[in-house]
Protein backbone atom coordinates (compact mmCIF):
# COMPACT_ATOMS: atom_id res chain seq x y z
CA UNK A 1 -1.65 -7.88 -36.44
CA UNK A 2 -0.84 -11.33 -35.33
CA UNK A 3 2.34 -11.72 -37.15
CA UNK A 4 3.29 -8.25 -36.10
CA UNK A 5 2.92 -9.42 -32.55
CA UNK A 6 4.73 -12.63 -33.11
CA UNK A 7 7.78 -10.72 -34.57
CA UNK A 8 8.03 -8.30 -31.83
CA UNK A 9 7.89 -11.21 -29.24
CA UNK A 10 10.89 -12.99 -30.92
CA UNK A 11 13.04 -9.73 -30.98
CA UNK A 12 11.94 -8.79 -27.18
CA UNK A 13 12.23 -12.45 -25.75
CA UNK A 14 14.93 -14.36 -27.70
CA UNK A 15 17.30 -14.25 -24.96
CA UNK A 16 14.97 -13.45 -21.95
CA UNK A 17 14.46 -15.82 -19.10
CA UNK A 18 11.32 -16.69 -17.41
CA UNK A 19 11.68 -14.50 -14.41
CA UNK A 20 12.06 -11.29 -16.77
CA UNK A 21 9.20 -12.61 -19.09
CA UNK A 22 6.66 -13.32 -16.28
CA UNK A 23 7.45 -9.62 -14.96
CA UNK A 24 7.08 -8.18 -18.19
CA UNK A 25 3.72 -9.88 -18.76
CA UNK A 26 2.73 -8.45 -15.48
CA UNK A 27 3.67 -4.79 -16.56
CA UNK A 28 1.99 -5.02 -19.95
CA UNK A 29 -1.18 -6.26 -17.75
CA UNK A 30 -0.77 -3.09 -15.37
CA UNK A 31 -0.52 -5.73 -12.42
CA UNK A 32 1.41 -3.58 -9.63
CA UNK A 33 3.94 -4.62 -7.07
CA UNK A 34 4.96 -7.81 -8.56
CA UNK A 35 8.84 -7.45 -8.61
CA UNK A 36 9.39 -9.12 -5.10
CA UNK A 37 6.45 -11.68 -5.12
CA UNK A 38 6.40 -13.31 -8.80
CA UNK A 39 9.99 -14.61 -8.33
CA UNK A 40 8.83 -16.25 -5.31
CA UNK A 41 6.08 -18.18 -7.09
CA UNK A 42 8.82 -19.13 -9.98
CA UNK A 43 11.04 -20.40 -7.34
CA UNK A 44 8.53 -22.48 -5.80
CA UNK A 45 7.70 -24.04 -9.15
CA UNK A 46 11.52 -24.99 -9.50
CA UNK A 47 11.54 -26.21 -5.79
CA UNK A 48 8.30 -28.38 -6.74
CA UNK A 49 10.39 -29.81 -9.70
CA UNK A 50 13.29 -30.62 -7.87
CA UNK A 51 11.31 -32.41 -5.14
CA UNK A 52 9.75 -34.50 -7.66
CA UNK A 53 13.18 -35.66 -9.07
CA UNK A 54 14.20 -36.40 -5.49
CA UNK A 55 11.12 -38.29 -4.37
CA UNK A 56 8.74 -39.44 -7.36
CA UNK A 57 10.67 -42.59 -8.05
CA UNK A 58 8.64 -43.82 -5.25
CA UNK A 59 5.02 -43.10 -6.29
CA UNK A 60 1.89 -44.64 -4.29
CA UNK A 61 -0.42 -43.97 -7.24
CA UNK A 62 1.74 -45.72 -9.89
CA UNK A 63 -0.31 -48.53 -11.63
CA UNK A 64 0.32 -52.04 -10.61
CA UNK A 65 -0.53 -55.29 -12.31
CA UNK A 66 -3.32 -57.17 -10.89
CA UNK A 67 -4.54 -54.23 -8.73
CA UNK A 68 -6.61 -52.41 -11.42
CA UNK A 69 -9.83 -51.20 -9.99
CA UNK A 70 -8.73 -51.60 -6.39
CA UNK A 71 -6.82 -48.47 -5.59
CA UNK A 72 -6.46 -45.08 -6.52
CA UNK A 73 -4.25 -44.55 -9.56
CA UNK A 74 -2.53 -41.63 -11.34
CA UNK A 75 -1.91 -43.53 -14.71
CA UNK A 76 -0.31 -40.87 -16.61
CA UNK A 77 1.83 -38.66 -14.32
CA UNK A 78 4.58 -36.94 -16.17
CA UNK A 79 6.80 -36.53 -13.24
CA UNK A 80 7.09 -40.21 -12.19
CA UNK A 81 10.66 -41.70 -13.17
CA UNK A 82 12.83 -44.48 -11.73
CA UNK A 83 16.03 -42.36 -10.52
CA UNK A 84 17.57 -42.71 -7.11
CA UNK A 85 17.14 -39.60 -4.82
CA UNK A 86 19.87 -36.97 -5.11
CA UNK A 87 19.56 -34.68 -2.10
CA UNK A 88 19.78 -36.58 1.13
CA UNK A 89 21.17 -34.27 3.98
CA UNK A 90 21.32 -36.32 7.35
CA UNK A 91 20.84 -39.36 5.36
CA UNK A 92 17.17 -38.74 5.07
CA UNK A 93 15.34 -37.90 1.48
CA UNK A 94 14.61 -34.23 1.83
CA UNK A 95 11.41 -32.25 0.78
CA UNK A 96 11.98 -29.16 -0.88
CA UNK A 97 8.75 -27.94 -1.94
CA UNK A 98 8.08 -24.24 -1.21
CA UNK A 99 4.52 -23.71 0.03
CA UNK A 100 3.47 -19.93 -0.09
CA UNK A 101 1.15 -17.92 2.36
CA UNK A 102 0.52 -14.39 1.45
CA UNK A 103 -0.69 -11.83 4.19
CA UNK A 104 -2.53 -8.81 2.82
CA UNK A 105 -5.58 -6.56 3.38
CA UNK A 106 -8.52 -7.11 1.33
CA UNK A 107 -8.04 -5.74 -2.34
CA UNK A 108 -4.27 -6.07 -2.22
CA UNK A 109 -4.01 -8.49 -5.10
CA UNK A 110 -3.55 -11.91 -3.28
CA UNK A 111 -5.95 -13.42 -5.68
CA UNK A 112 -4.27 -11.71 -8.68
CA UNK A 113 -1.25 -13.60 -7.68
CA UNK A 114 -2.95 -17.01 -7.63
CA UNK A 115 -5.03 -16.42 -10.45
CA UNK A 116 -1.82 -15.35 -12.72
CA UNK A 117 -0.56 -18.91 -12.38
CA UNK A 118 -3.66 -21.42 -11.62
CA UNK A 119 -6.85 -19.41 -12.98
CA UNK A 120 -8.84 -21.83 -14.81
CA UNK A 121 -8.19 -21.13 -18.64
CA UNK A 122 -6.11 -18.01 -18.22
CA UNK A 123 -3.53 -19.42 -15.59
CA UNK A 124 0.21 -19.54 -16.90
CA UNK A 125 0.30 -23.15 -15.29
CA UNK A 126 -3.34 -24.31 -15.90
CA UNK A 127 -3.49 -26.75 -18.62
CA UNK A 128 -6.99 -28.40 -20.01
CA UNK A 129 -5.05 -31.96 -19.80
CA UNK A 130 -3.28 -31.46 -16.52
CA UNK A 131 -5.14 -34.39 -15.03
CA UNK A 132 -4.29 -36.34 -18.09
CA UNK A 133 -0.48 -36.16 -17.91
CA UNK A 134 0.37 -33.12 -19.76
CA UNK A 135 1.78 -30.28 -17.65
CA UNK A 136 0.93 -29.56 -13.97
CA UNK A 137 -2.36 -30.60 -11.91
CA UNK A 138 -3.62 -27.24 -10.67
CA UNK A 139 -6.67 -26.65 -8.75
CA UNK A 140 -8.37 -23.48 -6.97
CA UNK A 141 -9.70 -24.99 -3.85
CA UNK A 142 -13.24 -24.39 -2.20
CA UNK A 143 -13.82 -21.90 0.20
CA UNK A 144 -15.13 -24.49 2.80
CA UNK A 145 -13.44 -27.74 3.25
CA UNK A 146 -13.39 -30.52 5.80
CA UNK A 147 -10.36 -32.95 6.95
CA UNK A 148 -12.26 -35.71 5.12
CA UNK A 149 -12.49 -33.65 2.05
CA UNK A 150 -8.67 -32.73 2.17
CA UNK A 151 -7.31 -36.09 3.17
CA UNK A 152 -10.08 -38.56 2.71
CA UNK A 153 -12.01 -41.02 5.14
CA UNK A 154 -12.98 -44.69 4.74
CA UNK A 155 -16.11 -46.51 4.13
CA UNK A 156 -17.41 -49.63 6.08
CA UNK A 157 -14.92 -51.86 4.00
CA UNK A 158 -11.84 -49.75 4.71
CA UNK A 159 -11.61 -48.15 1.28
CA UNK A 160 -10.84 -44.40 0.75
CA UNK A 161 -14.05 -42.76 -0.39
CA UNK A 162 -14.39 -39.59 -2.48
CA UNK A 163 -11.85 -37.43 -3.82
CA UNK A 164 -9.43 -35.99 -1.30
CA UNK A 165 -7.56 -33.05 -2.55
CA UNK A 166 -4.29 -33.97 -1.03
CA UNK A 167 -4.39 -37.03 -3.15
CA UNK A 168 -5.86 -35.74 -6.25
CA UNK A 169 -3.48 -32.99 -6.56
CA UNK A 170 -0.08 -35.00 -6.09
CA UNK A 171 2.24 -33.61 -8.12
CA UNK A 172 0.39 -30.26 -8.65
CA UNK A 173 -0.55 -27.09 -7.18
CA UNK A 174 -3.49 -26.50 -4.61
CA UNK A 175 -4.37 -23.00 -4.32
CA UNK A 176 -6.67 -21.39 -1.47
CA UNK A 177 -7.75 -17.83 -1.79
CA UNK A 178 -8.63 -17.70 1.60
CA UNK A 179 -6.25 -20.18 3.71
CA UNK A 180 -8.16 -19.71 7.00
CA UNK A 181 -10.95 -21.95 5.29
CA UNK A 182 -8.26 -24.87 5.76
CA UNK A 183 -6.64 -23.93 8.84
CA UNK A 184 -9.95 -22.90 10.90
CA UNK A 185 -11.42 -26.09 9.90
CA UNK A 186 -9.30 -27.69 12.83
CA UNK A 187 -11.52 -26.06 15.22
CA UNK A 188 -14.74 -28.29 13.98
CA UNK A 189 -15.44 -31.47 15.71
CA UNK A 190 -15.67 -33.44 12.27
CA UNK A 191 -12.27 -32.09 11.29
CA UNK A 192 -10.10 -31.74 14.48
CA UNK A 193 -7.19 -33.44 13.17
CA UNK A 194 -6.95 -31.14 9.99
CA UNK A 195 -3.87 -29.22 11.39
CA UNK A 196 -1.88 -32.32 12.27
CA UNK A 197 -2.30 -33.99 8.66
CA UNK A 198 -1.59 -30.62 7.27
CA UNK A 199 1.66 -30.48 9.18
CA UNK A 200 2.87 -33.83 7.87
CA UNK A 201 1.72 -33.74 4.45
CA UNK A 202 3.35 -30.28 3.91
CA UNK A 203 6.69 -31.43 5.71
CA UNK A 204 7.06 -34.83 4.39
CA UNK A 205 4.06 -35.72 1.96
CA UNK A 206 2.98 -38.16 4.36
CA UNK A 207 -0.83 -38.71 5.23
CA UNK A 208 -1.63 -41.44 7.67
CA UNK A 209 -4.71 -41.67 9.78
CA UNK A 210 -6.03 -44.85 11.69
CA UNK A 211 -9.80 -45.02 11.82
CA UNK A 212 -12.35 -47.52 13.11
CA UNK A 213 -12.77 -49.25 9.56
CA UNK A 214 -9.19 -48.85 8.18
CA UNK A 215 -6.51 -46.61 7.19
CA UNK A 216 -5.98 -43.62 5.15
CA UNK A 217 -2.39 -43.75 4.11
CA UNK A 218 -0.32 -42.55 1.34
CA UNK A 219 2.37 -40.14 0.20
CA UNK A 220 1.70 -36.97 -1.93
CA UNK A 221 3.73 -34.39 -3.33
CA UNK A 222 1.23 -31.41 -3.94
CA UNK A 223 2.49 -27.68 -3.05
CA UNK A 224 0.06 -25.17 -1.39
CA UNK A 225 -0.53 -21.64 -2.32
CA UNK A 226 -2.80 -19.59 -0.40
CA UNK A 227 -4.00 -16.21 0.90
CA UNK A 228 -5.13 -14.81 3.89
CA UNK A 229 -5.95 -11.39 5.79
CA UNK A 230 -4.08 -9.91 8.80
CA UNK A 231 -6.69 -10.96 11.15
CA UNK A 232 -7.22 -14.25 9.82
CA UNK A 233 -3.37 -15.13 9.77
CA UNK A 234 -2.86 -18.37 11.96
CA UNK A 235 0.79 -20.04 11.55
CA UNK A 236 1.17 -21.52 14.96
CA UNK A 237 2.06 -25.19 15.66
CA UNK A 238 4.71 -25.39 13.05
CA UNK A 239 3.04 -24.14 10.06
CA UNK A 240 5.19 -21.11 9.84
CA UNK A 241 8.24 -23.53 9.38
CA UNK A 242 6.34 -24.97 6.32
CA UNK A 243 5.60 -21.71 4.59
CA UNK A 244 7.30 -19.06 2.95
CA UNK A 245 5.49 -15.85 3.65
CA UNK A 246 4.84 -12.97 1.23
CA UNK A 247 3.66 -9.88 2.82
CA UNK A 248 1.81 -7.43 0.95
CA UNK A 249 1.69 -4.14 2.23
CA UNK A 250 -0.87 -1.23 1.53
CA UNK A 251 -0.89 2.58 1.72
CA UNK A 252 -2.58 5.68 0.20
CA UNK A 253 -0.04 5.41 -2.78
CA UNK A 254 -0.56 1.96 -3.63
CA UNK A 255 -4.31 2.49 -3.42
CA UNK A 256 -3.87 5.18 -6.04
CA UNK A 257 -1.62 3.20 -8.36
CA UNK A 258 -4.20 0.11 -7.95
CA UNK A 259 -6.97 2.62 -9.34
CA UNK A 260 -4.86 3.99 -11.96
CA UNK A 261 -3.95 0.20 -13.10
CA UNK A 262 -7.64 -0.54 -13.24
CA UNK A 263 -8.36 2.19 -15.55
CA UNK A 264 -5.42 1.23 -17.97
CA UNK A 265 -6.70 -2.54 -17.63
CA UNK A 266 -10.17 -1.58 -18.84
CA UNK A 267 -9.13 0.44 -21.76
CA UNK A 268 -6.57 -1.86 -23.18
CA UNK A 269 -6.82 -2.23 -27.06
CA UNK A 270 -7.76 -5.53 -28.59
CA UNK A 271 -4.41 -5.75 -30.25
CA UNK A 272 -2.61 -6.04 -26.99
CA UNK A 273 -5.11 -8.33 -25.52
CA UNK A 274 -4.46 -10.63 -28.44
CA UNK A 275 -0.74 -10.18 -27.71
CA UNK A 276 -1.01 -11.27 -24.15
CA UNK A 277 -3.09 -14.20 -24.72
CA UNK A 278 -0.38 -15.60 -27.10
CA UNK A 279 2.18 -14.85 -24.23
CA UNK A 280 0.21 -16.99 -22.07
CA UNK A 281 0.09 -19.95 -24.53
CA UNK A 282 3.82 -19.35 -25.18
CA UNK A 283 4.70 -19.33 -21.38
CA UNK A 284 2.54 -22.36 -20.60
CA UNK A 285 4.58 -24.33 -23.41
CA UNK A 286 7.90 -23.14 -21.72
CA UNK A 287 6.70 -24.60 -18.35
CA UNK A 288 5.92 -27.95 -20.15
CA UNK A 289 9.14 -27.98 -21.84
CA UNK A 290 11.23 -27.13 -18.51
CA UNK A 291 9.23 -30.05 -16.74
CA UNK A 292 10.09 -32.33 -19.33
CA UNK A 293 13.61 -31.16 -19.71
CA UNK A 294 14.19 -31.77 -16.09
CA UNK A 295 12.44 -35.25 -16.06
CA UNK A 296 14.48 -36.48 -19.12
CA UNK A 297 17.65 -34.98 -17.96
CA UNK A 298 17.41 -34.78 -14.04
CA UNK A 299 19.96 -32.93 -11.93
CA UNK A 300 22.39 -35.59 -10.28
CA UNK A 301 22.91 -33.36 -7.29
CA UNK A 302 23.22 -30.16 -5.52
CA UNK A 303 26.13 -27.89 -4.49
CA UNK A 304 25.71 -24.75 -2.58
CA UNK A 305 28.52 -21.91 -3.03
CA UNK A 306 30.32 -20.61 0.04
CA UNK A 307 28.77 -17.15 -0.49
CA UNK A 308 25.34 -18.69 -0.09
CA UNK A 309 26.08 -20.49 2.85
CA UNK A 310 27.50 -17.41 4.38
CA UNK A 311 24.42 -15.74 3.80
CA UNK A 312 22.14 -18.14 5.60
CA UNK A 313 24.53 -17.99 8.48
CA UNK A 314 23.30 -14.54 9.07
CA UNK A 315 22.28 -13.85 12.55
CA UNK A 316 18.79 -12.60 11.26
CA UNK A 317 18.06 -16.03 9.53
CA UNK A 318 16.99 -18.43 12.04
CA UNK A 319 18.14 -22.10 12.08
CA UNK A 320 14.64 -23.40 10.96
CA UNK A 321 14.26 -20.79 8.52
CA UNK A 322 17.59 -21.53 6.77
CA UNK A 323 16.33 -24.69 5.04
CA UNK A 324 13.27 -22.52 3.54
CA UNK A 325 15.95 -20.04 2.07
CA UNK A 326 17.88 -23.22 0.62
CA UNK A 327 14.93 -24.43 -0.94
CA UNK A 328 14.22 -21.01 -2.52
CA UNK A 329 17.75 -20.87 -3.89
CA UNK A 330 17.30 -24.50 -5.35
CA UNK A 331 14.00 -23.40 -7.17
CA UNK A 332 15.88 -20.40 -8.34
CA UNK A 333 18.50 -22.41 -10.13
CA UNK A 334 16.13 -24.92 -11.54
CA UNK A 335 14.11 -22.19 -13.25
CA UNK A 336 17.11 -19.94 -14.29
CA UNK A 337 18.45 -19.84 -17.91
CA UNK A 338 18.85 -22.80 -20.18
CA UNK A 339 18.48 -26.18 -18.61
CA UNK A 340 21.68 -28.45 -18.45
CA UNK A 341 21.22 -31.03 -16.26
CA UNK A 342 24.22 -32.37 -13.96
CA UNK A 343 25.16 -31.09 -10.80
CA UNK A 344 23.00 -28.06 -9.74
CA UNK A 345 25.37 -25.50 -8.79
CA UNK A 346 23.66 -22.89 -6.40
CA UNK A 347 25.75 -19.82 -7.03
CA UNK A 348 24.90 -16.15 -5.43
CA UNK A 349 24.04 -13.82 -8.07
CA UNK A 350 22.86 -10.47 -7.54
CA UNK A 351 19.11 -11.26 -8.43
CA UNK A 352 19.28 -14.33 -6.01
CA UNK A 353 20.72 -11.99 -3.17
CA UNK A 354 18.11 -9.29 -3.69
CA UNK A 355 15.27 -11.90 -3.64
CA UNK A 356 16.87 -13.70 -0.50
CA UNK A 357 17.01 -10.28 1.24
CA UNK A 358 13.42 -9.26 0.18
CA UNK A 359 12.01 -12.57 1.40
CA UNK A 360 13.74 -12.33 4.92
CA UNK A 361 12.42 -8.61 5.15
CA UNK A 362 9.03 -9.83 4.38
CA UNK A 363 9.18 -12.82 6.92
CA UNK A 364 10.51 -10.68 9.75
CA UNK A 365 7.74 -8.29 9.25
CA UNK A 366 5.09 -10.85 9.55
CA UNK A 367 6.95 -13.26 12.28
CA UNK A 368 8.04 -10.59 14.70
CA UNK A 369 4.91 -8.40 14.36
CA UNK A 370 3.12 -10.40 16.94
CA UNK A 371 6.32 -10.25 19.41
CA UNK A 372 6.77 -6.74 19.10
CA UNK A 373 2.90 -6.24 19.96
CA UNK A 374 3.57 -8.19 23.23
CA UNK A 375 6.81 -6.91 24.03
CA UNK A 376 5.59 -3.30 23.88
CA UNK A 377 2.09 -4.03 25.76
CA UNK A 378 3.87 -5.74 28.78
CA UNK A 379 7.45 -3.90 28.50
CA UNK A 380 8.94 -3.11 32.31
CA UNK A 381 6.00 -5.32 33.72
CA UNK A 382 5.75 -8.46 35.76
CA UNK A 383 2.71 -10.44 34.46
CA UNK A 384 1.50 -13.84 35.92
CA UNK A 385 1.93 -16.63 33.34
CA UNK A 386 -1.69 -17.68 33.48
CA UNK A 387 -2.81 -13.94 32.75
CA UNK A 388 0.08 -13.58 29.87
CA UNK A 389 -1.56 -16.82 28.28
CA UNK A 390 -5.14 -15.30 28.40
CA UNK A 391 -3.81 -11.96 26.59
CA UNK A 392 -1.92 -13.75 24.06
CA UNK A 393 -4.85 -16.07 23.39
CA UNK A 394 -7.06 -13.04 23.01
CA UNK A 395 -4.61 -10.87 20.98
CA UNK A 396 -2.86 -13.38 18.57
CA UNK A 397 -4.08 -17.02 18.65
CA UNK A 398 -7.91 -16.55 18.32
CA UNK A 399 -8.70 -17.49 21.85
CA UNK A 400 -6.93 -20.71 21.56
CA UNK A 401 -5.22 -21.22 24.88
CA UNK A 402 -3.01 -24.25 24.03
CA UNK A 403 -2.13 -22.51 20.87
CA UNK A 404 -1.07 -19.61 23.18
CA UNK A 405 1.18 -21.76 25.34
CA UNK A 406 2.96 -22.74 22.24
CA UNK A 407 3.32 -19.47 21.13
CA UNK A 408 5.16 -18.15 24.21
CA UNK A 409 7.53 -21.04 24.18
CA UNK A 410 8.13 -20.74 20.53
CA UNK A 411 8.51 -17.02 20.41
CA UNK A 412 9.47 -15.50 23.96
CA UNK A 413 11.40 -17.80 25.66
CA UNK A 414 14.58 -17.21 23.56
CA UNK A 415 14.38 -13.42 23.98
CA UNK A 416 16.80 -11.91 26.24
CA UNK A 417 14.26 -9.54 27.55
CA UNK A 418 12.06 -12.23 28.50
CA UNK A 419 12.11 -14.37 31.68
CA UNK A 420 9.89 -16.49 34.05
CA UNK A 421 10.54 -17.03 37.80
CA UNK A 422 8.55 -18.09 40.80
CA UNK A 423 8.41 -15.65 43.46
CA UNK A 424 9.46 -16.16 46.90
CA UNK A 425 6.15 -16.17 48.92
CA UNK A 426 5.64 -16.41 52.58
CA UNK A 427 2.67 -18.51 53.94
CA UNK A 428 -0.03 -20.33 52.32
CA UNK A 429 -1.26 -20.12 48.94
CA UNK A 430 -0.23 -21.23 45.33
CA UNK A 431 2.98 -19.84 44.05
CA UNK A 432 2.34 -19.15 40.07
CA UNK A 433 5.04 -18.43 37.66
CA UNK A 434 5.58 -14.83 36.69
CA UNK A 435 6.73 -13.60 33.49
CA UNK A 436 9.20 -10.55 33.51
CA UNK A 437 9.39 -8.17 30.37
CA UNK A 438 12.55 -6.32 30.35
CA UNK A 439 16.33 -6.24 30.11
CA UNK A 440 17.59 -8.77 32.94
CA UNK A 441 19.83 -7.14 35.95
CA UNK A 442 22.87 -9.29 35.25
CA UNK A 443 24.45 -8.36 38.62
CA UNK A 444 21.42 -9.31 40.61
CA UNK A 445 21.05 -12.90 42.08
CA UNK A 446 17.39 -12.17 43.41
CA UNK A 447 15.70 -13.34 40.23
CA UNK A 448 16.05 -16.84 38.62
CA UNK A 449 15.87 -16.02 34.93
CA UNK A 450 14.49 -18.76 32.62
CA UNK A 451 13.55 -20.90 35.74
């Protein structure tokens, strides 16, 4: 039976690329609703590899003669190289990692996607020698974590103590089944700086903490994948600009399909299970081979087609989002087809265009949902800004008033239907700012919109 599986596999996958192959693996495992989600993870892997080409010649954890035993070292990193950076828009070394946050209800399959790639023993990226220089470092993080556990702390001698995850997973993938365990740590006294460190490490890879006894200072290249539920979604303070968003919708029909799939998964014959196990081994080998091909024959630069540039100029793509979609396109072409090296020519094909549109739609569903809630709640009303801050804190930012102020500035002030003014008032008393929801009367001079 093993021989039959091998022959069937050669016949079926001889000319198939990794996108089709992983999706076929999901279909044969009866994992549903993967068509617009699995490609994002594959693009994240590709963007991660491109980022290592661009940045990993400058490694804080490379062995140095005479410093053995005095500093943290990753001795055998397959991503370390000596090439110059190749992607420097605005004369800065760009970071192209695609961090992913999945939003979905309980039982919607968030953990399935994380396990598909990073589960111990069965994940497509997992490797028993991942921390010894073969393949990628992968880890599913704990459900409770502190800032020190994530980024590190120092002892009385100024040395970094413990094994901070951001450092340990440099060059790898760190997953959280419930990302709120990371973002909510910021609300605890011992981890009050968690969000600031998270923002910089996700953006540039930089971790920099000044403490009483010394510094926690290093650069890391980890990529984060996480999931969260609707009520726990917290992407304020710039986290929304660091994460690619996957929105997993649930309805009665999908519930039925999930139950049908579970029945089929439970009754899968042994021959099919053996075939799928061999597929995991083969795809792991493919990821390692692609990693080595890119390191040994790295891209020399990147060029975006005019068609792609026209797509990111769409009005529905906001300025800070265009770079996220640019990274997606880079990752797509890093994983697509046979690797040839040279200039990475980012062309818009049908599959990439479909993926971009699907991702934009998911992002709009999530990012504009809260704006729509506030808009419909206060439409055609004048609301004191102090009251609006309280309501936004209650409805959106988990009673965080500073976050509510930032949310109003980031999401409402640029809307044509939102304005702030200070009403004329006779006599004594404080003149508070009033927020008006509704289309402005462009013929009227009575209201100072945006004032």
